[in-house]
């Protein structure tokens, strides 16, 4: 699997979460808001971790 495809999938899921949270904000509770924000942040952290993983791998391969 290409890293670009994986990152695109994570970004799509982030956009879906944000859209759902904003679609009906009055119906959301504080708990639901916190859940969505946490999931969004988790996806962002996953993207960051994947990018760093591939950057580290490329750096190790280059140094050899």
C-alpha atoms as a PDB file:
ATOM      1  CA  UNK A   1       0.000   0.000   0.000  1.00  0.00           C
ATOM      2  CA  UNK A   2       1.255   3.449  -0.869  1.00  0.00           C
ATOM      3  CA  UNK A   3       1.646   5.964   1.939  1.00  0.00           C
ATOM      4  CA  UNK A   4      -0.273   8.561  -0.067  1.00  0.00           C
ATOM      5  CA  UNK A   5      -3.325   6.311  -0.269  1.00  0.00           C
ATOM      6  CA  UNK A   6      -3.204   5.603   3.453  1.00  0.00           C
ATOM      7  CA  UNK A   7      -2.881   9.279   4.353  1.00  0.00           C
ATOM      8  CA  UNK A   8      -5.703  10.180   1.957  1.00  0.00           C
ATOM      9  CA  UNK A   9      -7.972   7.621   3.626  1.00  0.00           C
ATOM     10  CA  UNK A  10      -7.194   9.061   7.074  1.00  0.00           C
ATOM     11  CA  UNK A  11      -7.849  12.609   5.839  1.00  0.00           C
ATOM     12  CA  UNK A  12     -11.161  11.513   4.329  1.00  0.00           C
ATOM     13  CA  UNK A  13     -12.202  10.033   7.663  1.00  0.00           C
ATOM     14  CA  UNK A  14     -11.193  13.255   9.436  1.00  0.00           C
ATOM     15  CA  UNK A  15     -13.322  15.302   7.043  1.00  0.00           C
ATOM     16  CA  UNK A  16     -16.278  12.959   7.586  1.00  0.00           C
ATOM     17  CA  UNK A  17     -15.988  13.307  11.364  1.00  0.00           C
ATOM     18  CA  UNK A  18     -15.769  17.099  11.149  1.00  0.00           C
ATOM     19  CA  UNK A  19     -18.749  17.258   8.789  1.00  0.00           C
ATOM     20  CA  UNK A  20     -20.893  15.064  11.032  1.00  0.00           C
ATOM     21  CA  UNK A  21     -19.993  17.108  14.123  1.00  0.00           C
ATOM     22  CA  UNK A  22     -20.927  20.381  12.414  1.00  0.00           C
ATOM     23  CA  UNK A  23     -24.033  19.097  10.655  1.00  0.00           C
ATOM     24  CA  UNK A  24     -26.159  19.126  13.818  1.00  0.00           C
ATOM     25  CA  UNK A  25     -24.171  20.840  16.578  1.00  0.00           C
ATOM     26  CA  UNK A  26     -27.259  21.631  18.687  1.00  0.00           C
ATOM     27  CA  UNK A  27     -28.103  17.927  18.997  1.00  0.00           C
ATOM     28  CA  UNK A  28     -24.616  17.037  20.220  1.00  0.00           C
ATOM     29  CA  UNK A  29     -23.740  16.704  23.873  1.00  0.00           C
ATOM     30  CA  UNK A  30     -20.457  17.713  25.429  1.00  0.00           C
ATOM     31  CA  UNK A  31     -19.528  14.040  25.564  1.00  0.00           C
ATOM     32  CA  UNK A  32     -20.177  13.590  21.850  1.00  0.00           C
ATOM     33  CA  UNK A  33     -18.169  16.706  21.043  1.00  0.00           C
ATOM     34  CA  UNK A  34     -15.250  15.392  23.119  1.00  0.00           C
ATOM     35  CA  UNK A  35     -15.481  11.990  21.434  1.00  0.00           C
ATOM     36  CA  UNK A  36     -15.353  13.480  17.942  1.00  0.00           C
ATOM     37  CA  UNK A  37     -12.518  15.859  18.835  1.00  0.00           C
ATOM     38  CA  UNK A  38     -10.570  12.948  20.322  1.00  0.00           C
ATOM     39  CA  UNK A  39     -11.104  10.800  17.251  1.00  0.00           C
ATOM     40  CA  UNK A  40     -10.061  13.662  14.971  1.00  0.00           C
ATOM     41  CA  UNK A  41      -6.912  14.227  17.036  1.00  0.00           C
ATOM     42  CA  UNK A  42      -6.181  10.506  17.010  1.00  0.00           C
ATOM     43  CA  UNK A  43      -6.386  10.382  13.226  1.00  0.00           C
ATOM     44  CA  UNK A  44      -4.095  13.415  13.024  1.00  0.00           C
ATOM     45  CA  UNK A  45      -1.611  11.677  15.322  1.00  0.00           C
ATOM     46  CA  UNK A  46      -1.796   8.517  13.202  1.00  0.00           C
ATOM     47  CA  UNK A  47      -0.997  10.535  10.067  1.00  0.00           C
ATOM     48  CA  UNK A  48       1.944  12.202  11.822  1.00  0.00           C
ATOM     49  CA  UNK A  49       3.274   8.862  13.057  1.00  0.00           C
ATOM     50  CA  UNK A  50       3.035   7.244   9.621  1.00  0.00           C
ATOM     51  CA  UNK A  51       4.829  10.155   7.939  1.00  0.00           C
ATOM     52  CA  UNK A  52       7.587  10.074  10.570  1.00  0.00           C
ATOM     53  CA  UNK A  53       7.934   6.302  10.179  1.00  0.00           C
ATOM     54  CA  UNK A  54       8.480   6.601   6.427  1.00  0.00           C
ATOM     55  CA  UNK A  55      10.802   9.592   6.834  1.00  0.00           C
ATOM     56  CA  UNK A  56      12.927   7.637   9.310  1.00  0.00           C
ATOM     57  CA  UNK A  57      13.014   4.632   6.979  1.00  0.00           C
ATOM     58  CA  UNK A  58      14.092   6.777   4.030  1.00  0.00           C
ATOM     59  CA  UNK A  59      16.771   8.423   6.154  1.00  0.00           C
ATOM     60  CA  UNK A  60      18.123   5.027   7.291  1.00  0.00           C
ATOM     61  CA  UNK A  61      18.108   3.735   3.715  1.00  0.00           C
ATOM     62  CA  UNK A  62      19.893   6.868   2.499  1.00  0.00           C
ATOM     63  CA  UNK A  63      22.570   6.654   5.218  1.00  0.00           C
ATOM     64  CA  UNK A  64      23.495   3.101   4.211  1.00  0.00           C
END
